[in-house]
Protein backbone atom coordinates (compact mmCIF):
# COMPACT_ATOMS: atom_id res chain seq x y z
CA MET A 1 -13.36 23.54 27.63
CA LEU A 2 -12.50 26.79 25.97
CA CYS A 3 -10.88 26.55 22.53
CA PRO A 4 -8.73 29.20 20.85
CA ILE A 5 -10.48 31.17 18.14
CA ARG A 6 -9.22 30.75 14.59
CA VAL A 7 -8.45 34.13 13.04
CA VAL A 8 -7.47 33.21 9.51
CA ALA A 9 -10.12 34.84 7.36
CA CYS A 10 -9.18 37.24 4.59
CA ARG A 11 -9.45 40.99 5.07
CA LYS A 12 -9.84 43.26 2.05
CA TRP A 13 -6.81 45.46 1.58
CA ALA A 14 -7.20 48.96 0.25
CA SER A 15 -4.36 49.25 -2.18
CA PHE A 16 -1.65 46.60 -1.91
CA SER A 17 -0.65 43.16 -0.74
CA TYR A 18 2.63 41.76 0.47
CA VAL A 19 3.88 38.21 0.01
CA LYS A 20 6.88 37.22 2.09
CA PRO A 21 9.09 34.74 0.20
CA ILE A 22 10.80 31.87 1.95
CA GLY A 23 14.06 33.00 3.46
CA MET A 24 12.76 36.50 4.22
CA THR A 25 11.99 37.50 7.77
CA ALA A 26 9.96 40.45 8.86
CA GLU A 27 9.03 42.14 12.09
CA VAL A 28 6.15 44.55 11.91
CA GLY A 29 5.12 46.71 14.84
CA GLY A 30 1.68 48.31 15.02
CA ASN A 31 -0.65 47.98 12.02
CA LEU A 32 -0.27 48.57 8.33
CA TYR A 33 -2.08 51.86 8.52
CA GLY A 34 -0.23 53.16 11.56
CA SER A 35 3.11 54.87 11.84
CA SER A 36 5.00 52.19 13.73
CA PHE A 37 7.10 49.99 11.40
CA ASN A 38 10.12 47.87 12.14
CA THR A 39 12.54 47.07 9.35
CA PHE A 40 12.39 44.11 6.96
CA SER A 41 15.51 41.98 6.60
CA THR A 42 16.12 39.72 3.61
CA SER A 43 18.48 36.77 3.38
CA ALA A 44 20.80 36.46 0.41
CA LYS A 45 19.04 33.36 -0.93
CA ARG A 46 15.43 33.02 -2.01
CA GLN A 47 14.12 29.56 -2.83
CA THR A 48 12.15 29.38 -6.09
CA ILE A 49 12.17 25.65 -6.89
CA MET A 50 11.76 22.44 -4.92
CA PRO A 51 11.79 18.66 -5.38
CA ALA A 52 8.43 17.02 -6.09
CA TRP A 53 6.68 14.14 -7.81
CA VAL A 54 4.49 15.48 -10.62
CA ILE A 55 2.41 14.33 -13.56
CA ASP A 56 2.39 16.12 -16.92
CA LYS A 57 -0.59 14.21 -18.28
CA TYR A 58 -3.17 11.74 -17.01
CA GLY A 59 -2.47 8.03 -17.24
CA THR A 60 -1.02 4.97 -15.55
CA ASN A 61 1.85 4.90 -13.09
CA GLU A 62 4.36 5.70 -15.84
CA VAL A 63 3.22 9.35 -15.91
CA LEU A 64 4.74 9.97 -12.47
CA ARG A 65 7.89 12.05 -12.81
CA PHE A 66 10.37 13.20 -10.17
CA THR A 67 11.77 16.70 -10.57
CA LYS A 68 13.99 18.98 -8.52
CA ASN A 69 12.60 22.01 -10.35
CA ALA A 70 8.95 22.12 -9.30
CA MET A 71 7.65 25.64 -8.77
CA PHE A 72 7.92 26.77 -5.16
CA PRO A 73 4.48 27.62 -3.68
CA ILE A 74 3.73 31.24 -2.90
CA ILE A 75 1.23 32.94 -0.61
CA ASN A 76 -1.40 34.63 -2.77
CA TYR A 77 -3.92 35.45 -0.03
CA PRO A 78 -3.37 36.80 3.48
CA ASN A 79 -5.03 33.76 5.13
CA GLU A 80 -2.61 31.21 3.63
CA VAL A 81 0.35 29.34 5.12
CA ILE A 82 3.31 27.53 3.56
CA VAL A 83 4.02 24.14 5.15
CA LYS A 84 7.28 22.22 4.88
CA VAL A 85 6.13 18.64 4.30
CA GLN A 86 7.50 16.00 6.64
CA ALA A 87 5.19 13.14 5.63
CA ALA A 88 2.31 12.49 3.25
CA SER A 89 0.03 9.55 2.54
CA LEU A 90 -1.84 8.21 -0.45
CA ASN A 91 -5.58 7.65 -0.83
CA PRO A 92 -7.62 6.02 -3.61
CA ILE A 93 -8.42 9.53 -4.89
CA ASP A 94 -4.75 9.94 -5.80
CA ILE A 95 -5.02 6.94 -8.12
CA THR A 96 -8.21 8.24 -9.75
CA MET A 97 -6.76 11.75 -10.12
CA ARG A 98 -3.64 10.33 -11.76
CA LEU A 99 -5.94 8.59 -14.25
CA GLY A 100 -7.85 11.83 -14.93
CA TYR A 101 -11.06 10.96 -13.12
CA GLY A 102 -12.82 14.14 -12.00
CA ALA A 103 -10.58 16.39 -14.10
CA ALA A 104 -13.50 18.43 -15.47
CA THR A 105 -14.78 19.32 -12.01
CA MET A 106 -11.31 20.00 -10.57
CA ASN A 107 -10.38 22.27 -13.47
CA MET A 108 -13.62 24.19 -13.05
CA ARG A 109 -12.71 24.74 -9.40
CA ARG A 110 -9.16 25.81 -10.30
CA ASP A 111 -10.30 28.10 -13.13
CA PRO A 112 -14.00 28.97 -12.67
CA LEU A 113 -13.95 31.61 -15.44
CA ASN A 114 -12.32 29.20 -17.91
CA ILE A 115 -9.56 31.68 -18.68
CA LYS A 116 -6.60 29.29 -18.77
CA ALA A 117 -5.67 26.96 -21.61
CA THR A 118 -6.48 23.25 -21.56
CA GLY A 119 -3.88 21.36 -19.54
CA SER A 120 -2.95 24.36 -17.42
CA GLU A 121 -3.19 22.20 -14.27
CA PHE A 122 0.08 20.50 -15.24
CA PRO A 123 2.59 19.81 -13.84
CA LEU A 124 0.24 18.50 -11.17
CA ILE A 125 1.37 17.38 -7.72
CA LEU A 126 -0.74 14.64 -6.12
CA GLY A 127 -1.14 13.76 -2.43
CA ARG A 128 -4.04 14.84 -0.19
CA ASP A 129 -2.59 14.23 3.30
CA VAL A 130 0.16 16.30 4.87
CA SER A 131 1.93 16.54 8.19
CA GLY A 132 4.65 19.12 8.49
CA VAL A 133 5.92 22.40 9.89
CA VAL A 134 4.65 25.91 9.17
CA MET A 135 7.35 27.95 7.40
CA GLU A 136 5.52 31.13 6.37
CA CYS A 137 2.21 32.78 7.28
CA GLY A 138 0.04 35.29 5.43
CA LEU A 139 -0.60 38.65 7.05
CA ASN A 140 -4.01 37.65 8.44
CA VAL A 141 -2.96 34.37 10.03
CA SER A 142 -2.75 34.54 13.80
CA TYR A 143 -3.78 30.98 14.74
CA PHE A 144 -0.44 29.61 13.46
CA LYS A 145 3.14 30.79 13.50
CA PRO A 146 6.37 29.58 11.80
CA GLY A 147 7.66 26.46 13.51
CA ASP A 148 4.22 25.07 14.43
CA GLU A 149 3.74 21.38 13.69
CA VAL A 150 0.53 20.96 11.70
CA TRP A 151 -1.51 18.49 9.68
CA ALA A 152 -4.10 19.01 6.96
CA ALA A 153 -6.27 17.42 4.29
CA ILE A 154 -5.55 19.15 0.98
CA PRO A 155 -8.49 19.82 -1.38
CA PRO A 156 -8.12 17.89 -4.67
CA TRP A 157 -8.14 21.07 -6.76
CA LYS A 158 -4.92 22.28 -5.07
CA GLN A 159 -1.33 21.18 -5.56
CA GLY A 160 -0.64 18.24 -3.27
CA SER A 161 1.80 17.05 -0.65
CA LEU A 162 4.23 14.90 -2.68
CA ALA A 163 6.66 17.81 -2.60
CA GLU A 164 8.96 19.58 -0.19
CA PHE A 165 6.48 22.43 0.43
CA VAL A 166 2.76 23.07 0.00
CA VAL A 167 0.57 26.17 0.42
CA LEU A 168 -2.82 25.94 2.14
CA SER A 169 -5.56 28.10 3.53
CA GLY A 170 -5.29 28.53 7.28
CA ASN A 171 -8.85 27.20 7.57
CA GLU A 172 -7.69 23.86 6.15
CA VAL A 173 -4.85 23.41 8.65
CA SER A 174 -4.80 22.21 12.25
CA HIS A 175 -2.12 21.76 14.88
CA LYS A 176 -0.75 18.22 14.76
CA PRO A 177 -1.54 15.86 17.66
CA LYS A 178 1.34 15.86 20.11
CA ALA A 179 0.99 12.10 20.58
CA LEU A 180 1.86 11.30 16.95
CA SER A 181 4.96 11.48 14.80
CA HIS A 182 4.64 13.17 11.41
CA THR A 183 4.56 9.75 9.73
CA GLN A 184 1.68 8.63 11.93
CA ALA A 185 -0.17 11.94 11.65
CA ALA A 186 -0.08 11.88 7.84
CA ALA A 187 -2.29 8.77 7.88
CA ILE A 188 -5.33 10.56 9.29
CA PRO A 189 -6.38 13.98 7.83
CA TYR A 190 -8.04 13.05 4.52
CA VAL A 191 -10.03 10.12 5.91
CA ALA A 192 -10.89 12.17 9.00
CA ALA A 193 -12.21 15.08 6.95
CA THR A 194 -14.18 12.72 4.70
CA VAL A 195 -15.74 10.79 7.58
CA TRP A 196 -16.47 14.00 9.47
CA SER A 197 -18.24 15.45 6.44
CA ALA A 198 -20.27 12.26 5.91
CA VAL A 199 -21.14 11.46 9.52
CA VAL A 200 -21.42 14.93 11.06
CA ASN A 201 -22.29 17.35 8.25
CA THR A 202 -24.45 14.94 6.23
CA GLY A 203 -25.43 12.28 8.76
CA GLY A 204 -26.21 14.73 11.55
CA LEU A 205 -24.34 12.84 14.28
CA ASN A 206 -21.97 14.39 16.83
CA LYS A 207 -20.48 13.69 20.25
CA ASP A 208 -23.63 14.97 21.97
CA ASN A 209 -26.26 12.86 20.18
CA CYS A 210 -24.40 9.67 19.22
CA THR A 211 -24.65 7.68 22.45
CA GLY A 212 -26.50 4.43 21.86
CA LYS A 213 -27.06 5.06 18.13
CA ARG A 214 -26.75 1.98 15.93
CA ILE A 215 -24.38 2.47 13.00
CA LEU A 216 -23.60 0.16 10.08
CA ILE A 217 -20.36 0.69 8.13
CA ILE A 218 -20.25 -1.17 4.82
CA GLY A 219 -16.65 -1.85 3.76
CA ALA A 220 -14.85 -1.06 7.00
CA SER A 221 -11.28 -2.34 6.68
CA GLY A 222 -9.73 0.57 4.75
CA GLY A 223 -8.71 4.01 5.91
CA ILE A 224 -12.24 5.46 5.87
CA GLY A 225 -13.77 2.52 7.70
CA THR A 226 -11.13 2.16 10.41
CA PHE A 227 -11.31 5.87 11.20
CA ALA A 228 -15.12 5.87 11.21
CA ILE A 229 -15.20 2.98 13.68
CA GLN A 230 -12.89 4.81 16.08
CA LEU A 231 -14.74 8.13 15.83
CA LEU A 232 -18.16 6.58 16.39
CA LYS A 233 -16.96 4.40 19.27
CA ALA A 234 -15.36 7.46 20.87
CA TRP A 235 -18.87 8.93 20.80
CA ASP A 236 -20.37 5.80 22.42
CA SER A 237 -22.37 4.44 19.50
CA HIS A 238 -22.94 0.77 18.64
CA VAL A 239 -21.02 -0.10 15.45
CA THR A 240 -21.66 -3.00 13.09
CA VAL A 241 -19.31 -3.44 10.11
CA THR A 242 -18.98 -5.55 6.99
CA CYS A 243 -15.53 -6.71 5.88
CA SER A 244 -13.67 -9.89 4.95
CA GLN A 245 -12.78 -12.42 7.63
CA ASN A 246 -9.07 -11.60 7.50
CA ALA A 247 -9.86 -8.03 8.57
CA GLU A 248 -12.08 -9.01 11.50
CA GLN A 249 -9.31 -8.83 14.08
CA LEU A 250 -8.33 -5.37 12.80
CA VAL A 251 -11.82 -3.84 13.02
CA ARG A 252 -12.59 -5.48 16.36
CA GLY A 253 -9.36 -3.99 17.65
CA PHE A 254 -10.80 -0.55 16.90
CA GLY A 255 -13.99 -1.34 18.80
CA ALA A 256 -16.44 -2.76 16.24
CA ASP A 257 -19.29 -4.42 18.17
CA HIS A 258 -20.47 -6.77 15.43
CA VAL A 259 -18.66 -7.99 12.30
CA VAL A 260 -20.32 -9.47 9.22
CA ASP A 261 -18.03 -11.32 6.81
CA TYR A 262 -19.20 -10.40 3.30
CA ARG A 263 -17.37 -13.39 1.82
CA ALA A 264 -19.10 -15.98 4.01
CA GLY A 265 -22.58 -16.17 2.56
CA ASP A 266 -25.41 -13.74 2.05
CA VAL A 267 -24.64 -10.42 3.80
CA GLU A 268 -28.21 -9.22 3.34
CA ALA A 269 -29.60 -12.29 5.09
CA LYS A 270 -27.20 -11.86 8.02
CA LEU A 271 -28.09 -8.19 8.48
CA LYS A 272 -31.81 -9.02 8.49
CA THR A 273 -31.32 -10.82 11.79
CA LEU A 274 -30.03 -7.64 13.47
CA GLU A 275 -31.84 -4.65 14.94
CA LYS A 276 -32.21 -1.83 12.41
CA PHE A 277 -29.79 1.10 12.21
CA ASP A 278 -29.85 4.87 12.73
CA LEU A 279 -27.09 5.52 10.16
CA ILE A 280 -25.47 3.51 7.37
CA LEU A 281 -22.11 4.66 5.99
CA ASP A 282 -21.48 2.94 2.64
CA ASN A 283 -17.93 2.76 1.25
CA VAL A 284 -18.81 0.16 -1.38
CA GLY A 285 -21.79 1.47 -3.36
CA GLY A 286 -23.09 -0.36 -6.40
CA GLU A 287 -25.44 -3.22 -5.56
CA THR A 288 -25.47 -2.39 -1.84
CA GLU A 289 -27.87 0.49 -2.50
CA LYS A 290 -30.52 -2.00 -3.58
CA TRP A 291 -30.77 -3.59 -0.13
CA ALA A 292 -28.92 -1.45 2.44
CA LEU A 293 -31.64 1.15 2.99
CA SER A 294 -34.09 -1.53 4.12
CA PHE A 295 -31.99 -1.92 7.28
CA LEU A 296 -32.62 1.65 8.48
CA LYS A 297 -35.17 2.46 11.18
CA PRO A 298 -38.13 3.92 9.23
CA TRP A 299 -39.72 7.25 10.16
CA SER A 300 -37.05 8.01 12.75
CA GLY A 301 -34.74 10.34 10.84
CA ALA A 302 -32.39 7.47 9.95
CA LYS A 303 -29.95 8.19 7.11
CA TYR A 304 -28.05 6.24 4.49
CA VAL A 305 -24.88 8.09 3.43
CA THR A 306 -22.86 6.74 0.51
CA LEU A 307 -19.37 7.91 -0.40
CA VAL A 308 -19.65 6.29 -3.85
CA THR A 309 -21.43 8.78 -6.10
CA PRO A 310 -21.66 9.42 -9.88
CA PHE A 311 -20.98 13.16 -9.56
CA LEU A 312 -17.44 13.26 -10.99
CA LEU A 313 -18.22 10.59 -13.58
CA ASN A 314 -21.18 12.64 -14.80
CA THR A 315 -19.16 15.85 -15.21
CA ASP A 316 -16.31 13.98 -16.95
CA ARG A 317 -18.71 12.28 -19.35
CA LEU A 318 -21.27 15.04 -19.98
CA GLY A 319 -19.38 18.23 -19.18
CA VAL A 320 -19.78 20.36 -16.08
CA ALA A 321 -23.20 21.89 -16.79
CA ASP A 322 -24.96 18.77 -18.10
CA GLY A 323 -23.14 16.57 -15.60
CA MET A 324 -24.34 18.66 -12.67
CA LEU A 325 -27.87 18.61 -14.06
CA GLN A 326 -27.81 14.83 -14.39
CA THR A 327 -26.39 14.56 -10.89
CA GLY A 328 -29.16 16.73 -9.47
CA VAL A 329 -31.83 14.62 -11.15
CA THR A 330 -30.27 11.40 -9.84
CA ILE A 331 -29.90 12.47 -6.21
CA GLY A 332 -33.31 14.13 -6.19
CA THR A 333 -35.06 11.06 -7.57
CA LYS A 334 -33.36 8.67 -5.14
CA ALA A 335 -33.89 10.93 -2.12
CA LEU A 336 -37.61 11.34 -2.87
CA ARG A 337 -38.15 7.64 -3.51
CA HIS A 338 -36.60 6.63 -0.19
CA LEU A 339 -38.16 9.49 1.75
CA CYS A 340 -41.53 8.01 0.89
CA LYS A 341 -40.36 4.89 2.75
CA GLY A 342 -39.40 6.89 5.83
CA VAL A 343 -35.61 6.99 5.44
CA HIS A 344 -33.16 9.57 4.14
CA TYR A 345 -30.83 8.95 1.18
CA ARG A 346 -27.70 11.16 1.08
CA TRP A 347 -24.37 11.49 -0.70
CA GLY A 348 -21.23 12.17 1.31
CA PHE A 349 -18.28 14.20 0.01
CA PHE A 350 -14.84 15.16 1.27
CA ALA A 351 -14.73 18.65 2.78
CA PRO A 352 -11.46 20.19 4.05
CA SER A 353 -11.82 21.51 7.60
CA GLY A 354 -9.17 22.63 10.03
CA PRO A 355 -11.74 23.00 12.86
CA ALA A 356 -12.84 19.36 12.34
CA LEU A 357 -9.20 18.26 12.59
CA ASP A 358 -8.92 20.30 15.80
CA GLU A 359 -11.58 18.07 17.34
CA VAL A 360 -10.00 14.93 15.94
CA ARG A 361 -6.65 16.03 17.41
CA GLU A 362 -8.20 16.09 20.89
CA LEU A 363 -9.49 12.53 20.44
CA VAL A 364 -6.07 11.38 19.20
CA ASP A 365 -4.22 12.95 22.11
CA ALA A 366 -6.78 11.40 24.47
CA GLY A 367 -5.94 7.97 23.04
CA LYS A 368 -9.39 7.41 21.54
CA ILE A 369 -8.23 7.45 17.90
CA ARG A 370 -4.99 6.02 16.59
CA PRO A 371 -3.49 5.96 13.09
CA VAL A 372 -3.53 2.86 10.92
CA VAL A 373 -0.29 2.75 8.92
CA GLU A 374 -0.14 -0.35 6.76
CA GLN A 375 3.12 0.41 4.93
CA GLN A 376 5.67 3.22 4.77
CA PHE A 377 7.72 4.30 1.74
CA SER A 378 10.57 6.77 1.25
CA PHE A 379 10.22 9.77 -1.07
CA PRO A 380 12.09 8.09 -3.97
CA GLU A 381 9.65 5.16 -3.70
CA VAL A 382 6.49 7.12 -4.57
CA PRO A 383 5.77 5.02 -7.72
CA GLN A 384 5.91 1.83 -5.64
CA ALA A 385 3.53 3.42 -3.13
CA PHE A 386 1.06 4.16 -5.94
CA GLU A 387 1.31 0.56 -7.14
CA LYS A 388 0.56 -0.68 -3.64
CA VAL A 389 -2.54 1.52 -3.21
CA GLU A 390 -3.77 0.67 -6.70
CA LYS A 391 -3.93 -3.02 -5.82
CA GLY A 392 -6.68 -2.25 -3.29
CA HIS A 393 -7.74 -4.30 -0.25
CA ALA A 394 -5.94 -1.89 2.06
CA ARG A 395 -5.72 -2.53 5.80
CA GLY A 396 -4.86 1.05 6.68
CA LYS A 397 -2.87 3.84 5.05
CA THR A 398 0.20 3.97 2.82
CA VAL A 399 2.51 6.70 4.13
CA ILE A 400 5.45 8.43 2.46
CA SER A 401 8.28 10.03 4.44
CA ILE A 402 9.36 13.27 2.75
CA ALA A 403 11.51 14.91 5.44
CA GLU A 404 14.73 13.55 4.01
CA VAL A 405 14.43 15.38 0.67
CA SER A 406 16.13 18.47 2.08
CA GLU A 407 18.62 16.66 4.30
């Protein structure tokens, strides 16, 4: 099957750039260096502010503040798009970001030259998932056009989706699955990008080599786990999961072949009775590292990929330079120790990817992946949504409908 080519990369401009504000339309014939130009037309009104939920400092739920005067996003690079948000969803990272976890690393990414003053990230808009409609496109964006329905996973160093509009790189955006509403679509992008990064980029699995592979997912009832089950079953692998008994029906409904109840006795003893695995995806971390790697097939290229890492904690506690050094020592030591036993130890990280979401979209529209929406909130109920996610033990995603803010 032939796929359209994404043409969203930046080109270097010789002497100027042009940013088209919302409310301005433009028709340009020919190229910028040619002689053929049509006229620009500008509406009488230009939007400069928008409603959003923001934080002005890190802390508990009380730091969330609703404002109608958040700064409207602008296109700074020719490969960016502005999306009108229809729905968003919350992830555990939104809770940790609200508390300030990872702030040192995120601020380094936002301001790599350390030019801005401390606290310049505020007011900060949270929310990593978005489903919406393209409103404006940078000059180099040809894969999308205004009016396209899209979805995306927003990098944590960018302003988030708990607002009326958000600006993103075209490489982070994908056309929304036709089979899903915006509310349903908003439940998928962040977990999809995270699982894709862990399983494909780090774990080395894909639709062509996954058939018959034995996979263990530790902690499978949340958003990450339920998506991972569906993706791996769509690729014909054998999936074993650990979760509590009250989530067994949920994970089996997504195709899990074998379920181990971590509350009913010794999980390690139960897993010892099973055939060993080609990949372990760990959403729990902590003590599981002490025994999980023993269940991998030795000397076969089998990998353990954990999504629970000390990277952000190290940079918060030690500073960026020393934190990264400590992180390198930790991962290097663990990887070498387990490599000597014939298995690979890896850390998995979220990575935004429009092309990955393109492939996920095809699986969704084919009926092989479906969203897991546990509860839906309205835009004024964002604080209640945070409280719900903060309690943990999720059985799917918490979604927020934002379309009504401009109605």
